[in-house]
N, C-alpha and C. Protein backbone atom coordinates (compact mmCIF):
# COMPACT_ATOMS: atom_id res chain seq x y z
N MET A 1 -19.06 22.60 -80.81
CA MET A 1 -19.39 21.31 -80.24
C MET A 1 -19.33 21.44 -78.72
N ASN A 2 -20.38 21.01 -78.07
CA ASN A 2 -20.38 21.09 -76.62
C ASN A 2 -19.76 19.82 -76.02
N TRP A 3 -19.57 19.86 -74.72
CA TRP A 3 -18.90 18.76 -74.02
C TRP A 3 -19.67 17.45 -74.15
N ALA A 4 -20.95 17.43 -74.03
CA ALA A 4 -21.76 16.21 -74.11
C ALA A 4 -21.64 15.58 -75.49
N THR A 5 -21.66 16.39 -76.54
CA THR A 5 -21.53 15.87 -77.90
C THR A 5 -20.13 15.30 -78.10
N PHE A 6 -19.11 16.03 -77.64
CA PHE A 6 -17.73 15.56 -77.78
C PHE A 6 -17.53 14.23 -77.05
N ARG A 7 -18.04 14.15 -75.83
CA ARG A 7 -17.91 12.94 -75.05
C ARG A 7 -18.62 11.77 -75.73
N GLY A 8 -19.79 11.97 -76.25
CA GLY A 8 -20.52 10.93 -76.95
C GLY A 8 -19.78 10.44 -78.18
N GLU A 9 -19.23 11.36 -78.96
CA GLU A 9 -18.46 10.98 -80.16
C GLU A 9 -17.17 10.26 -79.78
N PHE A 10 -16.53 10.72 -78.71
CA PHE A 10 -15.29 10.10 -78.25
C PHE A 10 -15.53 8.65 -77.86
N VAL A 11 -16.62 8.40 -77.14
CA VAL A 11 -16.95 7.04 -76.72
C VAL A 11 -17.25 6.17 -77.94
N LYS A 12 -18.05 6.68 -78.90
CA LYS A 12 -18.41 5.90 -80.10
C LYS A 12 -17.19 5.62 -80.98
N VAL A 13 -16.37 6.61 -81.19
CA VAL A 13 -15.28 6.48 -82.16
C VAL A 13 -14.04 5.82 -81.56
N PHE A 14 -13.72 6.10 -80.33
CA PHE A 14 -12.46 5.64 -79.76
C PHE A 14 -12.64 4.58 -78.68
N LEU A 15 -13.42 4.87 -77.68
CA LEU A 15 -13.51 4.00 -76.52
C LEU A 15 -14.21 2.67 -76.81
N ALA A 16 -15.33 2.68 -77.48
CA ALA A 16 -16.07 1.44 -77.75
C ALA A 16 -15.24 0.45 -78.56
N PRO A 17 -14.60 0.86 -79.67
CA PRO A 17 -13.76 -0.10 -80.40
C PRO A 17 -12.58 -0.60 -79.56
N LEU A 18 -12.03 0.27 -78.71
CA LEU A 18 -10.92 -0.14 -77.86
C LEU A 18 -11.36 -1.21 -76.86
N VAL A 19 -12.54 -1.04 -76.27
CA VAL A 19 -13.06 -2.03 -75.32
C VAL A 19 -13.28 -3.37 -76.03
N VAL A 20 -13.83 -3.34 -77.23
CA VAL A 20 -14.04 -4.57 -77.99
C VAL A 20 -12.70 -5.21 -78.35
N ALA A 21 -11.74 -4.39 -78.78
CA ALA A 21 -10.43 -4.91 -79.18
C ALA A 21 -9.70 -5.57 -78.01
N ILE A 22 -9.92 -5.09 -76.82
CA ILE A 22 -9.28 -5.69 -75.64
C ILE A 22 -10.08 -6.88 -75.14
N SER A 23 -11.39 -6.81 -75.18
CA SER A 23 -12.25 -7.87 -74.64
C SER A 23 -12.16 -9.17 -75.41
N VAL A 24 -12.06 -9.11 -76.72
CA VAL A 24 -12.04 -10.34 -77.52
C VAL A 24 -10.81 -11.19 -77.20
N PRO A 25 -9.58 -10.65 -77.25
CA PRO A 25 -8.43 -11.51 -76.90
C PRO A 25 -8.45 -12.00 -75.46
N VAL A 26 -8.88 -11.14 -74.54
CA VAL A 26 -8.92 -11.55 -73.13
C VAL A 26 -9.93 -12.68 -72.95
N GLY A 27 -11.10 -12.55 -73.54
CA GLY A 27 -12.11 -13.60 -73.45
C GLY A 27 -11.64 -14.89 -74.08
N THR A 28 -10.98 -14.79 -75.23
CA THR A 28 -10.45 -15.97 -75.91
C THR A 28 -9.39 -16.66 -75.05
N TYR A 29 -8.53 -15.88 -74.41
CA TYR A 29 -7.51 -16.44 -73.52
C TYR A 29 -8.16 -17.27 -72.40
N TYR A 30 -9.16 -16.71 -71.73
CA TYR A 30 -9.78 -17.42 -70.62
C TYR A 30 -10.56 -18.64 -71.08
N LEU A 31 -11.18 -18.59 -72.25
CA LEU A 31 -11.84 -19.79 -72.79
C LEU A 31 -10.83 -20.88 -73.08
N GLY A 32 -9.70 -20.52 -73.69
CA GLY A 32 -8.65 -21.49 -73.99
C GLY A 32 -8.04 -22.07 -72.73
N LYS A 33 -7.84 -21.22 -71.74
CA LYS A 33 -7.28 -21.68 -70.47
C LYS A 33 -8.21 -22.69 -69.81
N ALA A 34 -9.51 -22.41 -69.81
CA ALA A 34 -10.48 -23.32 -69.21
C ALA A 34 -10.50 -24.64 -69.96
N LYS A 35 -10.41 -24.60 -71.27
CA LYS A 35 -10.40 -25.82 -72.08
C LYS A 35 -9.14 -26.64 -71.76
N GLY A 36 -7.98 -26.01 -71.66
CA GLY A 36 -6.75 -26.71 -71.33
C GLY A 36 -6.77 -27.31 -69.94
N GLU A 37 -7.35 -26.60 -68.99
CA GLU A 37 -7.44 -27.10 -67.62
C GLU A 37 -8.33 -28.34 -67.53
N ALA A 38 -9.32 -28.44 -68.43
CA ALA A 38 -10.22 -29.58 -68.40
C ALA A 38 -9.50 -30.89 -68.69
N GLY A 39 -8.38 -30.84 -69.40
CA GLY A 39 -7.62 -32.04 -69.73
C GLY A 39 -6.56 -32.40 -68.72
N LYS A 40 -6.51 -31.73 -67.60
CA LYS A 40 -5.49 -31.99 -66.59
C LYS A 40 -6.16 -32.42 -65.28
N MET A 41 -5.60 -33.44 -64.69
CA MET A 41 -6.08 -33.86 -63.37
C MET A 41 -5.33 -33.04 -62.31
N ARG A 42 -6.07 -32.56 -61.35
CA ARG A 42 -5.45 -31.77 -60.28
C ARG A 42 -4.49 -32.66 -59.49
N GLY A 43 -3.44 -32.06 -59.02
CA GLY A 43 -2.48 -32.78 -58.19
C GLY A 43 -1.18 -33.09 -58.91
N PHE A 44 -1.24 -33.35 -60.24
CA PHE A 44 -0.02 -33.69 -60.95
C PHE A 44 0.97 -32.52 -60.98
N ASP A 45 0.47 -31.30 -60.90
CA ASP A 45 1.40 -30.18 -60.90
C ASP A 45 1.85 -29.82 -59.49
N GLN A 46 1.50 -30.64 -58.51
CA GLN A 46 1.90 -30.39 -57.13
C GLN A 46 2.75 -31.53 -56.56
N ILE A 47 3.25 -32.41 -57.41
CA ILE A 47 4.09 -33.51 -56.95
C ILE A 47 5.43 -32.94 -56.51
N PRO A 48 5.92 -33.30 -55.32
CA PRO A 48 7.24 -32.81 -54.90
C PRO A 48 8.33 -33.31 -55.85
N THR A 49 9.16 -32.40 -56.31
CA THR A 49 10.23 -32.78 -57.23
C THR A 49 11.51 -32.04 -56.89
N GLN A 50 12.63 -32.70 -57.14
CA GLN A 50 13.93 -32.08 -56.96
C GLN A 50 14.55 -31.72 -58.30
N LEU A 51 13.88 -32.07 -59.38
CA LEU A 51 14.45 -31.91 -60.72
C LEU A 51 14.09 -30.56 -61.32
N LYS A 52 15.05 -30.03 -62.05
CA LYS A 52 14.88 -28.79 -62.81
C LYS A 52 15.23 -29.10 -64.26
N LEU A 53 14.22 -29.50 -65.03
CA LEU A 53 14.45 -29.93 -66.41
C LEU A 53 14.10 -28.87 -67.44
N ASP A 54 13.59 -27.72 -67.01
CA ASP A 54 13.14 -26.71 -67.95
C ASP A 54 14.27 -26.25 -68.86
N ASN A 55 14.00 -26.28 -70.15
CA ASN A 55 14.96 -25.87 -71.18
C ASN A 55 16.26 -26.66 -71.14
N THR A 56 16.17 -27.94 -70.82
CA THR A 56 17.36 -28.80 -70.85
C THR A 56 17.28 -29.73 -72.05
N ARG A 57 18.46 -30.09 -72.56
CA ARG A 57 18.58 -30.98 -73.71
C ARG A 57 19.29 -32.25 -73.26
N TRP A 58 18.80 -33.41 -73.76
CA TRP A 58 19.32 -34.70 -73.32
C TRP A 58 19.60 -35.58 -74.52
N LYS A 59 20.77 -36.22 -74.52
CA LYS A 59 21.06 -37.25 -75.52
C LYS A 59 20.46 -38.54 -74.99
N ILE A 60 19.62 -39.15 -75.79
CA ILE A 60 18.93 -40.38 -75.40
C ILE A 60 19.59 -41.55 -76.13
N THR A 61 19.93 -42.59 -75.37
CA THR A 61 20.43 -43.83 -75.96
C THR A 61 19.46 -44.94 -75.54
N TYR A 62 18.95 -45.68 -76.53
CA TYR A 62 17.97 -46.71 -76.20
C TYR A 62 18.11 -47.89 -77.16
N GLU A 63 17.56 -49.00 -76.71
CA GLU A 63 17.54 -50.21 -77.52
C GLU A 63 16.20 -50.28 -78.24
N ASP A 64 16.22 -50.73 -79.48
CA ASP A 64 14.99 -50.92 -80.23
C ASP A 64 15.21 -52.09 -81.18
N ALA A 65 14.46 -53.16 -80.99
CA ALA A 65 14.58 -54.37 -81.83
C ALA A 65 16.03 -54.83 -81.88
N ASP A 66 16.65 -54.96 -80.70
CA ASP A 66 18.03 -55.42 -80.55
C ASP A 66 19.04 -54.53 -81.27
N GLU A 67 18.71 -53.28 -81.43
CA GLU A 67 19.60 -52.31 -82.06
C GLU A 67 19.71 -51.09 -81.14
N ARG A 68 20.91 -50.55 -80.99
CA ARG A 68 21.14 -49.38 -80.15
C ARG A 68 20.92 -48.12 -80.98
N LYS A 69 20.07 -47.21 -80.49
CA LYS A 69 19.78 -45.97 -81.21
C LYS A 69 20.02 -44.77 -80.30
N THR A 70 20.21 -43.61 -80.91
CA THR A 70 20.39 -42.39 -80.14
C THR A 70 19.43 -41.32 -80.65
N GLY A 71 19.16 -40.38 -79.78
CA GLY A 71 18.27 -39.29 -80.13
C GLY A 71 18.49 -38.10 -79.22
N LEU A 72 17.63 -37.13 -79.36
CA LEU A 72 17.70 -35.89 -78.60
C LEU A 72 16.32 -35.59 -78.04
N VAL A 73 16.26 -35.19 -76.77
CA VAL A 73 15.01 -34.77 -76.13
C VAL A 73 15.24 -33.40 -75.51
N VAL A 74 14.27 -32.51 -75.68
CA VAL A 74 14.30 -31.19 -75.06
C VAL A 74 13.06 -31.08 -74.18
N PHE A 75 13.27 -30.78 -72.89
CA PHE A 75 12.18 -30.69 -71.93
C PHE A 75 11.83 -29.24 -71.62
N GLU A 76 10.55 -29.02 -71.34
CA GLU A 76 10.06 -27.82 -70.67
C GLU A 76 9.41 -28.32 -69.39
N GLN A 77 9.55 -27.58 -68.31
CA GLN A 77 8.98 -28.01 -67.03
C GLN A 77 8.11 -26.91 -66.46
N HIS A 78 6.93 -27.30 -66.00
CA HIS A 78 5.97 -26.38 -65.38
C HIS A 78 5.56 -27.02 -64.06
N GLY A 79 6.19 -26.59 -62.97
CA GLY A 79 5.98 -27.26 -61.69
C GLY A 79 6.57 -28.65 -61.79
N SER A 80 5.76 -29.65 -61.54
CA SER A 80 6.26 -31.02 -61.69
C SER A 80 5.87 -31.62 -63.05
N ARG A 81 5.11 -30.88 -63.85
CA ARG A 81 4.74 -31.36 -65.19
C ARG A 81 5.87 -31.10 -66.18
N ILE A 82 6.03 -32.03 -67.13
CA ILE A 82 7.00 -31.83 -68.19
C ILE A 82 6.34 -32.08 -69.55
N VAL A 83 6.80 -31.33 -70.53
CA VAL A 83 6.44 -31.54 -71.93
C VAL A 83 7.72 -31.41 -72.72
N GLY A 84 7.71 -31.88 -73.95
CA GLY A 84 8.91 -31.74 -74.75
C GLY A 84 8.77 -32.34 -76.13
N ASP A 85 9.88 -32.30 -76.82
CA ASP A 85 10.00 -32.84 -78.17
C ASP A 85 11.22 -33.73 -78.22
N GLY A 86 11.16 -34.75 -79.07
CA GLY A 86 12.30 -35.63 -79.24
C GLY A 86 12.43 -36.07 -80.68
N SER A 87 13.60 -36.54 -81.01
CA SER A 87 13.85 -37.10 -82.34
C SER A 87 15.04 -38.05 -82.23
N ASP A 88 15.13 -38.99 -83.17
CA ASP A 88 16.29 -39.88 -83.17
C ASP A 88 17.01 -39.78 -84.51
N THR A 89 18.11 -40.50 -84.61
CA THR A 89 18.96 -40.40 -85.79
C THR A 89 18.34 -41.03 -87.02
N THR A 90 17.25 -41.80 -86.85
CA THR A 90 16.57 -42.38 -88.01
C THR A 90 15.53 -41.43 -88.59
N GLY A 91 15.33 -40.28 -87.93
CA GLY A 91 14.37 -39.31 -88.41
C GLY A 91 13.02 -39.36 -87.72
N ARG A 92 12.84 -40.31 -86.84
CA ARG A 92 11.57 -40.37 -86.09
C ARG A 92 11.50 -39.19 -85.14
N LYS A 93 10.29 -38.65 -84.97
CA LYS A 93 10.06 -37.54 -84.04
C LYS A 93 8.93 -37.93 -83.11
N TRP A 94 8.94 -37.35 -81.92
CA TRP A 94 7.87 -37.61 -80.99
C TRP A 94 7.66 -36.43 -80.07
N ILE A 95 6.48 -36.38 -79.47
CA ILE A 95 6.16 -35.38 -78.46
C ILE A 95 6.07 -36.09 -77.11
N ILE A 96 6.28 -35.31 -76.05
CA ILE A 96 6.41 -35.86 -74.71
C ILE A 96 5.50 -35.10 -73.76
N GLU A 97 4.88 -35.85 -72.84
CA GLU A 97 4.12 -35.24 -71.76
C GLU A 97 4.20 -36.15 -70.55
N GLY A 98 4.50 -35.56 -69.38
CA GLY A 98 4.62 -36.38 -68.19
C GLY A 98 4.80 -35.56 -66.93
N ALA A 99 5.46 -36.18 -65.95
CA ALA A 99 5.65 -35.53 -64.65
C ALA A 99 6.97 -35.99 -64.04
N THR A 100 7.44 -35.19 -63.09
CA THR A 100 8.61 -35.54 -62.30
C THR A 100 8.15 -35.73 -60.85
N ALA A 101 8.82 -36.61 -60.13
CA ALA A 101 8.54 -36.84 -58.72
C ALA A 101 9.87 -37.13 -58.04
N GLU A 102 10.22 -36.31 -57.07
CA GLU A 102 11.52 -36.41 -56.40
C GLU A 102 12.61 -36.40 -57.47
N ARG A 103 13.33 -37.51 -57.68
CA ARG A 103 14.40 -37.56 -58.69
C ARG A 103 13.99 -38.48 -59.85
N ARG A 104 12.69 -38.66 -60.02
CA ARG A 104 12.19 -39.57 -61.06
C ARG A 104 11.43 -38.80 -62.13
N VAL A 105 11.44 -39.38 -63.33
CA VAL A 105 10.73 -38.81 -64.48
C VAL A 105 9.88 -39.92 -65.08
N CYS A 106 8.66 -39.59 -65.42
CA CYS A 106 7.78 -40.53 -66.11
C CYS A 106 7.04 -39.75 -67.18
N TYR A 107 7.15 -40.20 -68.43
CA TYR A 107 6.43 -39.51 -69.49
C TYR A 107 5.94 -40.49 -70.55
N ILE A 108 4.91 -40.06 -71.25
CA ILE A 108 4.46 -40.79 -72.42
C ILE A 108 5.02 -40.08 -73.64
N TYR A 109 5.25 -40.83 -74.68
CA TYR A 109 5.70 -40.23 -75.94
C TYR A 109 4.80 -40.71 -77.06
N TYR A 110 4.73 -39.91 -78.10
CA TYR A 110 3.88 -40.24 -79.23
C TYR A 110 4.43 -39.57 -80.47
N ASP A 111 4.41 -40.29 -81.60
CA ASP A 111 4.82 -39.73 -82.89
C ASP A 111 3.60 -39.08 -83.53
N PRO A 112 3.54 -37.74 -83.55
CA PRO A 112 2.35 -37.08 -84.08
C PRO A 112 2.25 -37.12 -85.61
N THR A 113 3.30 -37.56 -86.29
CA THR A 113 3.24 -37.61 -87.75
C THR A 113 2.34 -38.75 -88.22
N GLY A 114 2.19 -39.76 -87.37
CA GLY A 114 1.30 -40.87 -87.71
C GLY A 114 1.84 -41.78 -88.80
N SER A 115 3.11 -41.63 -89.17
CA SER A 115 3.67 -42.48 -90.22
C SER A 115 3.74 -43.94 -89.79
N GLN A 116 3.94 -44.17 -88.51
CA GLN A 116 3.91 -45.51 -87.94
C GLN A 116 3.65 -45.36 -86.44
N LEU A 117 3.11 -46.40 -85.81
CA LEU A 117 2.80 -46.30 -84.40
C LEU A 117 4.08 -46.22 -83.58
N SER A 118 4.26 -45.11 -82.92
CA SER A 118 5.38 -44.91 -82.01
C SER A 118 4.77 -44.25 -80.78
N PHE A 119 4.48 -45.08 -79.77
CA PHE A 119 3.73 -44.64 -78.60
C PHE A 119 4.15 -45.49 -77.43
N GLY A 120 4.41 -44.88 -76.27
CA GLY A 120 4.79 -45.66 -75.12
C GLY A 120 5.10 -44.79 -73.91
N THR A 121 5.76 -45.40 -72.94
CA THR A 121 6.07 -44.76 -71.67
C THR A 121 7.56 -44.89 -71.37
N VAL A 122 8.13 -43.83 -70.82
CA VAL A 122 9.53 -43.84 -70.38
C VAL A 122 9.56 -43.51 -68.90
N ILE A 123 10.31 -44.31 -68.13
CA ILE A 123 10.47 -44.09 -66.69
C ILE A 123 11.96 -44.03 -66.39
N LEU A 124 12.39 -42.91 -65.80
CA LEU A 124 13.82 -42.67 -65.55
C LEU A 124 14.05 -42.23 -64.11
N VAL A 125 15.27 -42.42 -63.64
CA VAL A 125 15.68 -41.89 -62.35
C VAL A 125 17.01 -41.15 -62.56
N MET A 126 17.13 -39.97 -61.95
CA MET A 126 18.32 -39.13 -62.07
C MET A 126 19.40 -39.62 -61.12
N ASP A 127 20.65 -39.67 -61.60
CA ASP A 127 21.75 -40.03 -60.71
C ASP A 127 22.14 -38.83 -59.86
N ASN A 128 23.08 -39.02 -58.93
CA ASN A 128 23.47 -37.96 -58.00
C ASN A 128 24.16 -36.79 -58.67
N SER A 129 24.77 -37.00 -59.83
CA SER A 129 25.46 -35.90 -60.52
C SER A 129 24.48 -34.94 -61.17
N GLY A 130 23.26 -35.39 -61.42
CA GLY A 130 22.28 -34.56 -62.10
C GLY A 130 22.48 -34.50 -63.60
N ASN A 131 23.37 -35.34 -64.12
CA ASN A 131 23.69 -35.31 -65.54
C ASN A 131 23.27 -36.56 -66.30
N THR A 132 22.83 -37.59 -65.59
CA THR A 132 22.45 -38.84 -66.26
C THR A 132 21.18 -39.40 -65.62
N MET A 133 20.27 -39.84 -66.49
CA MET A 133 19.07 -40.54 -66.04
C MET A 133 19.06 -41.90 -66.72
N THR A 134 18.71 -42.93 -65.95
CA THR A 134 18.62 -44.27 -66.51
C THR A 134 17.26 -44.86 -66.18
N GLY A 135 16.83 -45.79 -67.02
CA GLY A 135 15.55 -46.43 -66.76
C GLY A 135 15.10 -47.31 -67.90
N GLN A 136 13.81 -47.35 -68.11
CA GLN A 136 13.19 -48.24 -69.08
C GLN A 136 12.20 -47.47 -69.94
N TRP A 137 12.03 -47.95 -71.16
CA TRP A 137 10.87 -47.52 -71.94
C TRP A 137 10.08 -48.76 -72.29
N LEU A 138 8.79 -48.58 -72.35
CA LEU A 138 7.89 -49.64 -72.74
C LEU A 138 7.01 -49.07 -73.84
N GLY A 139 7.16 -49.62 -75.01
CA GLY A 139 6.39 -49.09 -76.12
C GLY A 139 6.33 -50.07 -77.27
N TRP A 140 5.58 -49.68 -78.29
CA TRP A 140 5.47 -50.50 -79.49
C TRP A 140 6.59 -50.14 -80.43
N SER A 141 7.42 -51.09 -80.71
CA SER A 141 8.52 -50.88 -81.64
C SER A 141 7.96 -50.84 -83.06
N PRO A 142 8.22 -49.75 -83.80
CA PRO A 142 7.74 -49.69 -85.18
C PRO A 142 8.31 -50.81 -86.06
N GLU A 143 9.51 -51.27 -85.72
CA GLU A 143 10.14 -52.32 -86.53
C GLU A 143 9.46 -53.67 -86.32
N SER A 144 9.15 -54.01 -85.07
CA SER A 144 8.58 -55.33 -84.78
C SER A 144 7.08 -55.30 -84.49
N ASP A 145 6.52 -54.10 -84.28
CA ASP A 145 5.10 -53.92 -83.95
C ASP A 145 4.70 -54.73 -82.72
N MET A 146 5.64 -54.87 -81.79
CA MET A 146 5.37 -55.59 -80.55
C MET A 146 5.66 -54.70 -79.36
N LEU A 147 4.94 -54.91 -78.28
CA LEU A 147 5.18 -54.19 -77.04
C LEU A 147 6.46 -54.74 -76.41
N GLN A 148 7.43 -53.84 -76.15
CA GLN A 148 8.72 -54.30 -75.65
C GLN A 148 9.28 -53.37 -74.59
N PRO A 149 9.78 -53.93 -73.48
CA PRO A 149 10.51 -53.11 -72.51
C PRO A 149 11.99 -53.05 -72.93
N ARG A 150 12.57 -51.88 -72.85
CA ARG A 150 13.98 -51.70 -73.24
C ARG A 150 14.65 -50.72 -72.30
N LYS A 151 15.97 -50.82 -72.22
CA LYS A 151 16.76 -49.88 -71.42
C LYS A 151 16.90 -48.55 -72.15
N VAL A 152 16.95 -47.48 -71.37
CA VAL A 152 17.17 -46.15 -71.93
C VAL A 152 18.05 -45.36 -70.98
N THR A 153 18.94 -44.55 -71.56
CA THR A 153 19.81 -43.66 -70.79
C THR A 153 19.70 -42.27 -71.38
N ALA A 154 19.58 -41.27 -70.51
CA ALA A 154 19.56 -39.88 -70.94
C ALA A 154 20.75 -39.17 -70.33
N THR A 155 21.54 -38.53 -71.17
CA THR A 155 22.73 -37.80 -70.72
C THR A 155 22.55 -36.31 -71.04
N LYS A 156 22.68 -35.48 -70.02
CA LYS A 156 22.45 -34.05 -70.20
C LYS A 156 23.49 -33.45 -71.13
N ILE A 157 23.00 -32.62 -72.05
CA ILE A 157 23.88 -31.89 -72.96
C ILE A 157 24.01 -30.48 -72.42
N THR A 158 25.23 -30.10 -72.10
CA THR A 158 25.45 -28.74 -71.55
C THR A 158 25.77 -27.81 -72.70
N ASN A 159 25.28 -26.60 -72.59
CA ASN A 159 25.50 -25.61 -73.67
C ASN A 159 26.85 -24.98 -73.58
């Protein structure tokens, strides 16, 4: 076998499949990234913030239909953007997406299970200790099916 034949076979058998195997995931990544970027408005990830909420867990205490409830929220932070998951002691679960600005947090929550409408906004401000946030939530109470503003407190859970 001469060098030209060897090189041709090497490209067909080894190099070409390798290029395809690398190109498909890389192309898929960039298509997905472009699709995700289309759903974001520029500027929200550049809001000045003093908060570091990434991988933090918070005990949430809130009022709902004149009843005090507790839950857990876990945040991830990307610049000033936040996402997360939450649940309460009644078994309700929700997803979170929002932003931080200076010492403030604002996020929307939604119950993706669709068992009942649980959708609204939470606005909090961090105290000087960095361990407690207080504020309001405005959302549709599944119990009363009415839009209601209520107090909410988030207390950091340390590991």
